[in-house]
Every structure is written in C-alpha cells, then in structure tokens.
Amino acid sequence: MASTSIVALVGRPNVGKSALFNRLLGKPLAIVEPTAGVTRDRLYAAVEWQGRRFTIVDTGGIEVDAHADLLAQTRAQAEIAIREADAIIFVVDAAAGLTPGDEDVAALLRARHDKVLLVANKVESPRSAGAIYEFCALGFDVPLPVSAIHGLQSGDLLDAIVAKLPSQPAAEDADHDVIRLAIVGQPNVGKSSLVNALLGKQRAVVSDIPGTTRDATDTATEVDGMRFTIIDTAGIRRRARGRPSLDYYSSLRAVAAIGRCDVALLLIDATVGATSQDKRIAGLAVEQGKGLALMVNKWDLIDTATFDRAHAETALRTEFSFFPHAAILFGSALTKKGVHKVWAAVSEVAAQRRKHVPTARLNQVVRDAFRIRPPAMFRGNLLKCYYVTQSQVAPPTFVFFVNDPRLLHFSYQRYLENNIRDAFGFAGTPIALVFRPRVQQDRTQSEELILAGTDGAKAH
C-alpha cells in the first residue's frame, strides 16, 4: 500500500487558488463529495490523473493578521507546506503582475526548488499572457499559464503535477501482516491520550491545549500476535476566516496519514457530539477506500442515566448515514475504559477490507438480486449483467460486465452493494462497484446472462 502523494496550492491571497483547485477536480461537487450527506469544506480532495492518485490541498491563501509580522507568519506557514507536500503549486496572478507578496512567498519556497511548480493564473487576455515572463524574476522556471475560470491548460497542469511527484513507493506493500491505524479527529479530542492508553506508556505529548500534536508519528506495536503501526496525527481543524493558516497546513499531516493507513479510527468528543468536521474527516477516509471505525471518547463525562449508548449509536448512524457500516466504540482514553476493544475492532475492519469472496458465490448473489428486483427500463433499454468478479482487495472492488453502464441508476447500484454486503459482510470498509461494457468478442460459450429472463441462467 503506497502512500498518497500530497500536492499543496500555495500563494498570496486572491490569486485564484480555490478556483484552480475546483478546476483541477473537474466537477468539484461530484468529485469532492461523491457520497451523499458528507459535509465538507473545500480543503482537500483526491484526484486521479494518468493512473496516478494524489490528494490536492487548497491552502486558502497565506493570510496574516494585519498587526502581525508578515515574514514571521508566512515563514511558519510555508515551511510546514514545504516539508509535508510532495509537490507545491506556487500560484501567482498574471493579471495583477508581480507583487511584493509573491516575492515573499517565493523566498520561503526557494529552499525546496525541486518541489515547486510555478503557475500563472488568470491568463485570459493577450496582455496577461505577455506578463507571465516577469515572474521569471522569482527564480523558478517560466510559469505555466492557466485560467482557472476558463480551464486553459488545466490538462497540461495536471500532467506537470504528475511529473513533479516522486515515483510511487512500493516498499510498504512488502509487509501485508501489519495493520496501519491512523487515529484522526479534531484537535483536543484525545488522540494522543488514546495512543498512550493503547500503548500503555507515555509516548505522545498530552495537553489540554488544542493543537499540541503537529506531527504524524508512527509507533509499531504487537497485540495478541498481530502487528500494528499506530499513526498519531495533528487534529484536522477548520480554519476560521482571518486566522493564521498554521493549523491549515498542519492538517496536511493528517491527510497524508489517512492516505497511508489501512483503518482510520475517528475520535468524537462525547461532550460535543458529531460535527460537520467529523463527517468531513470520515468522508475523506471513505473516499480513499480506507476502513473506518468511530470511537466516542470521553464517555466517562456523560451521564448514562439520561443518554445511553443505544441512543448515542442511533444518533451517530444518522449523522454518518453516508457510511452506515462503520464500527462504533465507546470509551475513555483517560480512564482506559473500553480502550482494549479498539484492537479487536480495528483487526476486524482490516480483515474485512482484505477479504476476497468466491466468484461463483458472488455471481449467484448478484443473479438473485437481479431476479428479485430487476432494474428499471431506461429509454426502452434494460441493464443486463453478464458476469461479476472481485478484481482487488483493500478496498474490495467488484467489476460488473454489463451491456451498457449508462443504463445503471445510482439507486440500483446502491441496491447491488447492499446485497453484496448482506451476503459477505464487509463491515467497516468501503467497497467499490465498477461497471464496464463487455464487447461481443469477450463473451465465451461458458458465460451466460446473470439476468437472462429464464431459470436456466447460471452464476460463475
């Protein structure tokens, strides 16, 4: 399992970073938020281009307080981005021309020249196109001219980003027996305390001051013969308008930790309840195909006489309705009550994520699903499925060979996923359903329609 590369959009305010972020995603709402019900601000999202998957981060601009020292603020923010991102897209405004703010940012990025790709946004006229060469004075290559509004050279920019990324690492694939657990959540929810409780020793710095942890650190441990790597992360904080972006950049570590884990354990503060930010974090894990478990921490502070676990679990299932398959735990990192259950829950989610089901049984389940509830007609045509196979694990991915994928309605896809889950489990892990048209020459005499309209159809 290779790490997910991080690409950060960096620059002074008002150069169009957020617009460029949306442009690179193609269809921002469809791609950033593919699962219904996920509340997410436009901070980061997964992108795939030329077979390479990476996470792009909209840093929201290097903004400083009017009374703060410009250089000190920007240096603290940019240094984190330089260290954590695999590629940095330095965005400048071609319409406004070179400014002192651009020069300040460039001075901070120049130490890692190899990571930086200079991009001149707002190239929407011959005048702005001719102005891009003045940015060569920043000490980087000639900027790539783009227009986030009109989509000019967005494909070329994605090509350049992929070229900037380091080669895909494969070393982590060598050890399949290790379960990589990322403990994620908002600041001050008790992540470091939980790490210490799980390890039985003081490994992480614990403080009641939000944001104490700024690093994502790995700790190897073994429990009941199973090996784990715990990734403790900085909290993913929603950046308030006007606040310096230090926490915004620090969350890069948490994003990267989710990208390289097997299972994400999302901590929720029992005294606060699930927030939109919690759902955003969970949505990122699901979007990246990671196992997900929810742990309500600080349960010792709750009066269980008035609010019991059954009510809390029902409320959580409602809040996280976009992924109702997550395991839910209750405990207290401070008193260590319920902490021992984390290991078994995480192990089970990891096992479900790596599960491979028999092909014959899979086709039987899908055939029965089609017969019990046939798909609706669409413009006079009917979706037909010829064959299903599980193409990979982690996450489990199922390929349906059909007559025309365009005939598939999203509600019917959800119906098929529910049938697969009912038959095989996959609790705590996302599963992917891929629908491909099967050309005539691919069909062999041994293959028959799963939905043939006769009792003689066979599963394979």
Protein backbone atom coordinates (compact mmCIF):
# COMPACT_ATOMS: atom_id res chain seq x y z
CA MET A 1 0.00 0.00 0.00
CA ALA A 2 1.75 3.11 -1.21
CA SER A 3 1.42 6.48 0.45
CA THR A 4 -0.84 9.07 -1.11
CA SER A 5 1.12 11.99 -2.50
CA ILE A 6 0.21 15.47 -1.29
CA VAL A 7 0.01 18.47 -3.64
CA ALA A 8 -0.40 21.88 -1.97
CA LEU A 9 -1.64 25.03 -3.68
CA VAL A 10 0.36 27.93 -2.21
CA GLY A 11 0.40 31.67 -2.84
CA ARG A 12 -0.65 35.04 -1.56
CA PRO A 13 -4.39 35.75 -1.18
CA ASN A 14 -6.65 36.41 -4.16
CA VAL A 15 -4.57 34.72 -6.85
CA GLY A 16 -7.31 32.19 -7.59
CA LYS A 17 -6.10 29.11 -5.71
CA SER A 18 -9.58 27.91 -4.78
CA ALA A 19 -10.85 28.36 -8.33
CA LEU A 20 -7.84 26.44 -9.62
CA PHE A 21 -8.50 23.75 -7.02
CA ASN A 22 -12.03 23.30 -8.35
CA ARG A 23 -10.84 23.35 -11.94
CA LEU A 24 -8.32 20.56 -11.30
CA LEU A 25 -11.08 18.46 -9.77
CA GLY A 26 -13.12 18.84 -12.95
CA LYS A 27 -16.58 18.73 -11.38
CA PRO A 28 -15.93 19.89 -7.83
CA LEU A 29 -19.15 18.84 -6.16
CA ALA A 30 -19.31 15.49 -7.96
CA ILE A 31 -15.69 14.58 -7.30
CA VAL A 32 -15.08 16.21 -3.93
CA GLU A 33 -18.30 14.81 -2.48
CA PRO A 34 -19.21 11.53 -4.22
CA THR A 35 -21.16 10.15 -1.25
CA ALA A 36 -24.44 11.79 -0.30
CA GLY A 37 -24.60 13.50 3.06
CA VAL A 38 -20.93 14.33 3.54
CA THR A 39 -20.44 17.88 4.73
CA ARG A 40 -17.10 19.13 3.51
CA ASP A 41 -15.42 22.46 3.05
CA ARG A 42 -13.13 22.82 0.07
CA LEU A 43 -9.90 21.91 1.81
CA TYR A 44 -8.66 18.76 0.11
CA ALA A 45 -9.83 16.03 -2.24
CA ALA A 46 -8.49 13.01 -4.07
CA VAL A 47 -7.57 13.42 -7.74
CA GLU A 48 -6.60 10.74 -10.25
CA TRP A 49 -4.75 11.58 -13.45
CA GLN A 50 -2.85 9.29 -15.82
CA GLY A 51 -3.27 6.43 -13.39
CA ARG A 52 -1.70 8.38 -10.53
CA ARG A 53 -3.77 9.21 -7.46
CA PHE A 54 -2.88 12.12 -5.21
CA THR A 55 -4.50 14.48 -2.71
CA ILE A 56 -4.68 18.13 -3.67
CA VAL A 57 -4.90 20.69 -0.87
CA ASP A 58 -6.32 24.19 -1.19
CA THR A 59 -4.39 26.05 1.47
CA GLY A 60 -6.74 29.01 1.33
CA GLY A 61 -4.00 31.56 0.96
CA ILE A 62 -1.13 32.65 3.13
CA GLU A 63 -3.09 35.17 5.15
CA VAL A 64 -1.71 37.12 8.09
CA ASP A 65 -3.16 39.30 10.75
CA ALA A 66 -2.88 42.98 9.93
CA HIS A 67 -0.93 43.54 13.16
CA ALA A 68 1.38 40.54 12.80
CA ASP A 69 4.78 40.45 11.22
CA LEU A 70 4.35 39.34 7.60
CA LEU A 71 7.59 37.44 7.21
CA ALA A 72 7.32 35.58 10.52
CA GLN A 73 3.75 34.47 9.82
CA THR A 74 4.33 33.37 6.25
CA ARG A 75 7.55 31.57 7.10
CA ALA A 76 5.82 29.46 9.78
CA GLN A 77 3.06 28.52 7.37
CA ALA A 78 5.11 27.89 4.25
CA GLU A 79 7.80 25.83 5.99
CA ILE A 80 5.18 23.27 7.03
CA ALA A 81 3.85 23.10 3.49
CA ILE A 82 7.37 22.67 2.12
CA ARG A 83 8.10 19.80 4.50
CA GLU A 84 4.82 17.93 4.11
CA ALA A 85 3.83 18.33 0.45
CA ASP A 86 5.34 16.20 -2.29
CA ALA A 87 4.70 18.96 -4.81
CA ILE A 88 3.93 22.65 -4.31
CA ILE A 89 1.92 24.61 -6.87
CA PHE A 90 3.01 28.21 -6.40
CA VAL A 91 0.16 30.28 -7.85
CA VAL A 92 0.61 33.88 -8.99
CA ASP A 93 -1.82 36.33 -10.60
CA ALA A 94 -0.89 37.13 -14.20
CA ALA A 95 -3.49 39.88 -14.40
CA ALA A 96 -2.10 41.71 -11.35
CA GLY A 97 1.55 41.14 -12.22
CA LEU A 98 4.47 40.55 -9.87
CA THR A 99 3.91 41.87 -6.34
CA PRO A 100 5.99 42.04 -3.15
CA GLY A 101 3.70 39.37 -1.70
CA ASP A 102 4.74 36.97 -4.46
CA GLU A 103 8.39 37.69 -3.76
CA ASP A 104 7.92 36.97 -0.04
CA VAL A 105 6.31 33.60 -0.77
CA ALA A 106 8.99 32.78 -3.36
CA ALA A 107 11.75 33.45 -0.83
CA LEU A 108 10.21 30.91 1.51
CA LEU A 109 9.75 28.27 -1.19
CA ARG A 110 13.13 28.65 -2.87
CA ALA A 111 14.85 26.31 -0.39
CA ARG A 112 12.95 23.39 -1.95
CA HIS A 113 13.10 24.49 -5.55
CA ASP A 114 12.71 20.90 -6.76
CA LYS A 115 9.19 20.66 -5.30
CA VAL A 116 7.84 23.89 -6.78
CA LEU A 117 5.81 24.30 -9.95
CA LEU A 118 5.17 27.97 -10.74
CA VAL A 119 1.72 28.61 -12.23
CA ALA A 120 0.43 31.93 -13.54
CA ASN A 121 -3.34 32.05 -13.14
CA LYS A 122 -5.87 34.41 -14.77
CA VAL A 123 -4.24 34.31 -18.21
CA GLU A 124 -7.37 35.44 -20.00
CA SER A 125 -6.11 38.08 -22.42
CA PRO A 126 -3.05 38.78 -24.62
CA ARG A 127 -1.91 41.34 -22.07
CA SER A 128 -1.91 38.90 -19.17
CA ALA A 129 -0.31 36.23 -21.36
CA GLY A 130 2.61 38.53 -22.09
CA ALA A 131 3.01 39.40 -18.42
CA ILE A 132 3.88 35.89 -17.27
CA TYR A 133 7.58 36.31 -18.07
CA GLU A 134 8.08 38.92 -15.36
CA PHE A 135 7.52 36.10 -12.84
CA CYS A 136 10.78 34.52 -14.01
CA ALA A 137 12.40 37.00 -11.64
CA LEU A 138 11.13 34.82 -8.77
CA GLY A 139 13.87 32.32 -9.57
CA PHE A 140 11.78 29.41 -10.79
CA ASP A 141 11.12 28.14 -14.31
CA VAL A 142 8.90 30.02 -16.76
CA PRO A 143 5.41 29.83 -15.20
CA LEU A 144 2.78 27.62 -16.75
CA PRO A 145 -0.05 29.93 -17.92
CA VAL A 146 -3.54 28.78 -16.92
CA SER A 147 -7.02 30.15 -16.48
CA ALA A 148 -8.96 28.53 -13.67
CA ILE A 149 -12.14 30.25 -14.85
CA HIS A 150 -11.92 29.13 -18.47
CA GLY A 151 -9.97 25.89 -17.99
CA LEU A 152 -6.99 26.96 -20.10
CA GLN A 153 -4.25 24.29 -19.95
CA SER A 154 -5.74 22.51 -16.93
CA GLY A 155 -4.79 19.17 -18.51
CA ASP A 156 -1.24 20.38 -19.05
CA LEU A 157 -1.09 21.46 -15.42
CA LEU A 158 -2.19 18.01 -14.25
CA ASP A 159 0.49 16.47 -16.48
CA ALA A 160 3.08 18.77 -14.90
CA ILE A 161 1.89 17.89 -11.39
CA VAL A 162 2.21 14.15 -12.04
CA ALA A 163 5.70 14.74 -13.46
CA LYS A 164 6.66 16.59 -10.27
CA LEU A 165 5.52 13.83 -7.94
CA PRO A 166 8.08 11.33 -6.64
CA SER A 167 7.92 7.84 -8.04
CA GLN A 168 5.21 5.72 -6.46
CA PRO A 169 6.73 3.96 -3.45
CA ALA A 170 6.16 0.23 -3.15
CA ALA A 171 8.10 -0.61 -0.01
CA GLU A 172 5.01 -0.61 2.20
CA ASP A 173 3.44 -3.41 0.15
CA ALA A 174 6.09 -5.84 1.32
CA ASP A 175 4.57 -6.33 4.79
CA HIS A 176 0.92 -7.31 4.43
CA ASP A 177 0.64 -8.52 8.03
CA VAL A 178 0.95 -5.05 9.57
CA ILE A 179 -2.27 -3.13 10.15
CA ARG A 180 -1.70 0.60 9.81
CA LEU A 181 -4.04 2.52 12.09
CA ALA A 182 -4.47 6.28 11.73
CA ILE A 183 -6.04 7.95 14.76
CA VAL A 184 -7.75 11.06 13.43
CA GLY A 185 -10.13 13.73 14.63
CA GLN A 186 -10.41 17.34 15.57
CA PRO A 187 -7.90 19.00 17.91
CA ASN A 188 -8.20 18.25 21.63
CA VAL A 189 -10.47 15.25 21.17
CA GLY A 190 -8.00 12.93 22.92
CA LYS A 191 -5.99 11.34 20.13
CA SER A 192 -2.63 11.45 21.89
CA SER A 193 -4.19 10.25 25.14
CA LEU A 194 -5.67 7.30 23.29
CA VAL A 195 -2.30 6.44 21.76
CA ASN A 196 -0.76 6.42 25.22
CA ALA A 197 -3.61 4.29 26.58
CA LEU A 198 -3.28 1.80 23.72
CA LEU A 199 0.48 1.51 24.13
CA GLY A 200 0.40 1.54 27.92
CA LYS A 201 3.10 4.17 28.13
CA GLN A 202 3.64 7.89 27.72
CA ARG A 203 4.61 8.10 24.08
CA ALA A 204 2.72 11.16 22.82
CA VAL A 205 2.68 14.63 24.34
CA VAL A 206 -0.68 15.17 26.01
CA SER A 207 -2.08 18.61 26.77
CA ASP A 208 -5.47 20.25 27.08
CA ILE A 209 -4.28 22.96 24.72
CA PRO A 210 -5.72 22.26 21.24
CA GLY A 211 -3.16 21.61 18.55
CA THR A 212 -0.37 20.25 20.75
CA THR A 213 0.39 17.49 18.25
CA ARG A 214 1.72 18.89 14.98
CA ASP A 215 3.43 15.74 13.69
CA ALA A 216 2.08 12.47 12.35
CA THR A 217 4.27 9.95 14.14
CA ASP A 218 4.37 6.17 13.73
CA THR A 219 4.69 3.64 16.54
CA ALA A 220 4.91 -0.12 15.97
CA THR A 221 3.32 -2.50 18.47
CA GLU A 222 2.12 -6.09 18.70
CA VAL A 223 -1.10 -7.25 20.36
CA ASP A 224 -2.18 -10.89 20.63
CA GLY A 225 0.22 -11.88 17.88
CA MET A 226 -0.97 -9.17 15.48
CA ARG A 227 1.26 -6.31 14.41
CA PHE A 228 0.06 -2.73 14.22
CA THR A 229 1.54 0.62 13.27
CA ILE A 230 -0.22 3.49 15.02
CA ILE A 231 -0.18 6.82 13.22
CA ASP A 232 -0.97 9.66 15.61
CA THR A 233 -1.90 12.83 13.76
CA ALA A 234 -2.36 16.53 14.22
CA GLY A 235 -6.01 17.47 14.53
CA ILE A 236 -7.85 18.48 11.38
CA ARG A 237 -9.07 21.94 12.24
CA ARG A 238 -11.46 24.06 10.26
CA ARG A 239 -9.68 27.33 9.58
CA ALA A 240 -11.57 30.41 10.72
CA ARG A 241 -11.55 33.43 8.47
CA GLY A 242 -8.66 35.72 9.28
CA ARG A 243 -6.84 33.18 11.44
CA PRO A 244 -3.23 32.41 10.51
CA SER A 245 -3.05 29.24 8.45
CA LEU A 246 -0.65 27.24 10.63
CA ASP A 247 -3.31 24.65 11.54
CA TYR A 248 -4.45 24.64 7.93
CA TYR A 249 -1.01 23.49 6.81
CA SER A 250 -0.59 21.18 9.79
CA SER A 251 -3.64 19.22 8.67
CA LEU A 252 -1.58 18.08 5.69
CA ARG A 253 -0.05 15.54 8.05
CA ALA A 254 -3.45 14.14 8.97
CA VAL A 255 -4.48 13.99 5.31
CA ALA A 256 -1.30 12.10 4.48
CA ALA A 257 -1.81 9.75 7.44
CA ILE A 258 -5.27 8.79 6.19
CA GLY A 259 -3.77 8.22 2.76
CA ARG A 260 -1.31 5.60 4.01
CA CYS A 261 -3.40 3.81 6.63
CA ASP A 262 -5.48 0.65 6.43
CA VAL A 263 -8.01 1.76 9.03
CA ALA A 264 -8.89 5.25 10.24
CA LEU A 265 -10.17 5.49 13.80
CA LEU A 266 -12.14 8.72 14.09
CA LEU A 267 -12.38 10.06 17.63
CA ILE A 268 -15.51 12.00 18.53
CA ASP A 269 -15.78 14.08 21.67
CA ALA A 270 -18.72 12.73 23.71
CA THR A 271 -19.29 16.13 25.28
CA VAL A 272 -19.63 17.80 21.86
CA GLY A 273 -21.09 15.11 19.61
CA ALA A 274 -20.51 14.58 15.92
CA THR A 275 -19.78 17.74 13.96
CA SER A 276 -19.65 18.61 10.30
CA GLN A 277 -15.88 18.47 10.56
CA ASP A 278 -16.06 14.90 11.89
CA LYS A 279 -18.16 13.96 8.87
CA ARG A 280 -15.66 15.64 6.58
CA ILE A 281 -12.82 13.60 8.08
CA ALA A 282 -14.85 10.38 7.79
CA GLY A 283 -15.76 11.27 4.22
CA LEU A 284 -12.11 11.61 3.30
CA ALA A 285 -11.33 8.14 4.69
CA VAL A 286 -14.28 6.58 2.85
CA GLU A 287 -13.41 8.42 -0.36
CA GLN A 288 -9.90 6.97 -0.23
CA GLY A 289 -11.17 3.44 0.37
CA LYS A 290 -9.94 3.15 3.96
CA GLY A 291 -11.53 1.14 6.72
CA LEU A 292 -13.39 3.33 9.20
CA ALA A 293 -14.27 2.97 12.87
CA LEU A 294 -15.82 5.62 15.11
CA MET A 295 -14.89 5.94 18.77
CA VAL A 296 -16.82 8.19 21.12
CA ASN A 297 -14.12 9.35 23.54
CA LYS A 298 -14.59 10.98 26.97
CA TRP A 299 -17.60 8.73 27.58
CA ASP A 300 -16.77 8.92 31.30
CA LEU A 301 -18.02 12.52 31.25
CA ILE A 302 -21.51 11.53 30.07
CA ASP A 303 -24.45 10.89 32.37
CA THR A 304 -25.51 7.49 31.03
CA ALA A 305 -28.73 7.66 33.06
CA THR A 306 -30.10 10.27 30.67
CA PHE A 307 -28.23 9.36 27.48
CA ASP A 308 -27.27 5.72 26.95
CA ARG A 309 -25.15 4.02 24.29
CA ALA A 310 -28.12 2.85 22.25
CA HIS A 311 -29.34 6.43 21.81
CA ALA A 312 -25.82 7.62 21.04
CA GLU A 313 -25.26 4.90 18.43
CA THR A 314 -28.58 5.67 16.75
CA ALA A 315 -27.64 9.34 16.59
CA LEU A 316 -24.24 8.51 15.11
CA ARG A 317 -25.74 6.22 12.48
CA THR A 318 -27.96 9.12 11.46
CA GLU A 319 -25.09 11.62 11.35
CA PHE A 320 -22.89 9.24 9.33
CA SER A 321 -25.68 7.90 7.13
CA PHE A 322 -23.39 8.17 4.09
CA PHE A 323 -21.39 5.26 5.60
CA PRO A 324 -23.62 3.25 7.97
CA HIS A 325 -21.18 0.33 8.01
CA ALA A 326 -18.62 1.89 10.36
CA ALA A 327 -17.86 0.15 13.64
CA ILE A 328 -18.81 2.25 16.68
CA LEU A 329 -16.95 2.13 20.00
CA PHE A 330 -17.37 3.95 23.30
CA GLY A 331 -14.61 4.56 25.80
CA SER A 332 -12.35 6.91 27.67
CA ALA A 333 -8.69 7.36 26.89
CA LEU A 334 -8.29 8.98 30.31
CA THR A 335 -9.70 6.10 32.39
CA LYS A 336 -8.79 3.48 29.74
CA LYS A 337 -12.30 2.03 29.94
CA GLY A 338 -13.25 0.41 26.63
CA VAL A 339 -9.82 1.08 25.11
CA HIS A 340 -8.98 -2.64 24.91
CA LYS A 341 -11.82 -3.13 22.41
CA VAL A 342 -10.06 -0.95 19.85
CA TRP A 343 -7.60 -3.68 18.83
CA ALA A 344 -10.28 -6.27 18.02
CA ALA A 345 -12.45 -3.75 16.19
CA VAL A 346 -9.57 -2.45 14.07
CA SER A 347 -8.38 -6.00 13.31
CA GLU A 348 -11.85 -6.99 12.13
CA VAL A 349 -12.22 -3.93 9.90
CA ALA A 350 -8.79 -4.60 8.38
CA ALA A 351 -9.74 -8.24 7.74
CA GLN A 352 -12.98 -7.19 6.05
CA ARG A 353 -11.08 -4.72 3.89
CA ARG A 354 -8.74 -7.51 2.70
CA LYS A 355 -11.47 -10.10 2.18
CA HIS A 356 -11.84 -11.87 -1.18
CA VAL A 357 -15.10 -13.70 -1.91
CA PRO A 358 -15.62 -16.76 -4.15
CA THR A 359 -16.50 -15.81 -7.69
CA ALA A 360 -19.21 -18.46 -8.07
CA ARG A 361 -20.99 -17.34 -4.91
CA LEU A 362 -20.65 -13.68 -5.89
CA ASN A 363 -22.33 -14.27 -9.23
CA GLN A 364 -25.10 -16.26 -7.52
CA VAL A 365 -25.80 -13.35 -5.15
CA VAL A 366 -25.89 -10.83 -8.00
CA ARG A 367 -28.07 -13.08 -10.14
CA ASP A 368 -30.57 -13.44 -7.30
CA ALA A 369 -30.53 -9.68 -6.76
CA PHE A 370 -31.38 -9.07 -10.42
CA ARG A 371 -34.22 -11.61 -10.33
CA ILE A 372 -35.76 -10.37 -7.09
CA ARG A 373 -35.66 -6.75 -8.20
CA PRO A 374 -34.95 -6.28 -11.92
CA PRO A 375 -33.54 -2.89 -12.97
CA ALA A 376 -35.95 -0.35 -14.38
CA MET A 377 -36.13 0.26 -18.10
CA PHE A 378 -34.31 3.35 -19.35
CA ARG A 379 -35.33 4.78 -22.72
CA GLY A 380 -36.59 1.40 -23.79
CA ASN A 381 -33.44 -0.46 -22.78
CA LEU A 382 -32.73 -2.77 -19.86
CA LEU A 383 -29.47 -3.13 -17.94
CA LYS A 384 -28.11 -6.67 -18.31
CA CYS A 385 -25.25 -8.12 -16.32
CA TYR A 386 -23.15 -10.91 -17.81
CA TYR A 387 -20.54 -11.56 -15.16
CA VAL A 388 -19.12 -10.20 -11.92
CA THR A 389 -15.67 -10.64 -10.45
CA GLN A 390 -13.78 -9.21 -7.49
CA SER A 391 -10.77 -7.54 -9.05
CA GLN A 392 -8.93 -6.46 -5.89
CA VAL A 393 -8.99 -6.05 -2.15
CA ALA A 394 -8.13 -3.10 0.11
CA PRO A 395 -10.67 -1.82 -0.73
CA PRO A 396 -12.78 -4.66 -2.13
CA THR A 397 -13.56 -3.84 -5.74
CA PHE A 398 -16.12 -5.62 -7.89
CA VAL A 399 -16.25 -5.37 -11.67
CA PHE A 400 -19.63 -5.88 -13.35
CA PHE A 401 -19.55 -6.65 -17.07
CA VAL A 402 -22.80 -5.26 -18.46
CA ASN A 403 -24.36 -4.39 -21.79
CA ASP A 404 -24.35 -0.62 -21.20
CA PRO A 405 -23.17 1.10 -17.98
CA ARG A 406 -25.21 4.18 -18.90
CA LEU A 407 -28.37 2.22 -18.09
CA LEU A 408 -27.36 1.94 -14.42
CA HIS A 409 -29.20 4.18 -11.95
CA PHE A 410 -27.33 5.13 -8.78
CA SER A 411 -30.16 3.72 -6.64
CA TYR A 412 -29.77 0.33 -8.31
CA GLN A 413 -26.02 0.43 -7.72
CA ARG A 414 -26.72 1.04 -4.03
CA TYR A 415 -29.16 -1.89 -4.09
CA LEU A 416 -26.49 -4.19 -5.53
CA GLU A 417 -23.95 -3.01 -2.95
CA ASN A 418 -26.39 -3.72 -0.14
CA ASN A 419 -26.96 -7.24 -1.47
CA ILE A 420 -23.23 -7.90 -1.60
CA ARG A 421 -22.81 -6.61 1.94
CA ASP A 422 -25.74 -8.70 3.19
CA ALA A 423 -24.16 -11.81 1.71
CA PHE A 424 -20.49 -11.26 2.54
CA GLY A 425 -20.24 -8.63 5.26
CA PHE A 426 -17.51 -6.05 4.57
CA ALA A 427 -18.41 -4.19 7.77
CA GLY A 428 -16.32 -1.09 8.32
CA THR A 429 -14.85 -0.92 4.83
CA PRO A 430 -15.95 0.88 1.66
CA ILE A 431 -16.46 -1.32 -1.37
CA ALA A 432 -16.24 -0.19 -4.98
CA LEU A 433 -18.55 -1.30 -7.77
CA VAL A 434 -17.23 -0.76 -11.31
CA PHE A 435 -19.44 -1.27 -14.35
CA ARG A 436 -17.86 -1.98 -17.71
CA PRO A 437 -19.36 -2.73 -21.11
CA ARG A 438 -18.43 -6.14 -22.41
CA VAL A 439 -17.69 -6.31 -26.11
CA GLN A 440 -19.03 -9.23 -28.11
CA GLN A 441 -15.67 -10.95 -28.64
CA ASP A 442 -15.13 -11.20 -24.89
CA ARG A 443 -18.13 -13.44 -24.49
CA THR A 444 -17.40 -17.19 -24.31
CA GLN A 445 -19.77 -20.11 -24.63
CA SER A 446 -19.44 -20.80 -20.92
CA GLU A 447 -20.80 -17.41 -19.95
CA GLU A 448 -24.50 -16.70 -19.73
CA LEU A 449 -26.51 -13.73 -18.64
CA ILE A 450 -26.90 -13.26 -14.91
CA LEU A 451 -30.22 -11.72 -15.83
CA ALA A 452 -31.42 -13.82 -18.76
CA GLY A 453 -35.11 -13.87 -18.07
CA THR A 454 -35.05 -17.66 -17.72
CA ASP A 455 -34.49 -20.11 -14.93
CA GLY A 456 -31.55 -21.58 -16.82
CA ALA A 457 -29.15 -18.69 -16.21
CA LYS A 458 -26.08 -19.77 -14.28
CA ALA A 459 -23.71 -17.94 -11.97
CA HIS A 460 -19.98 -18.15 -12.42
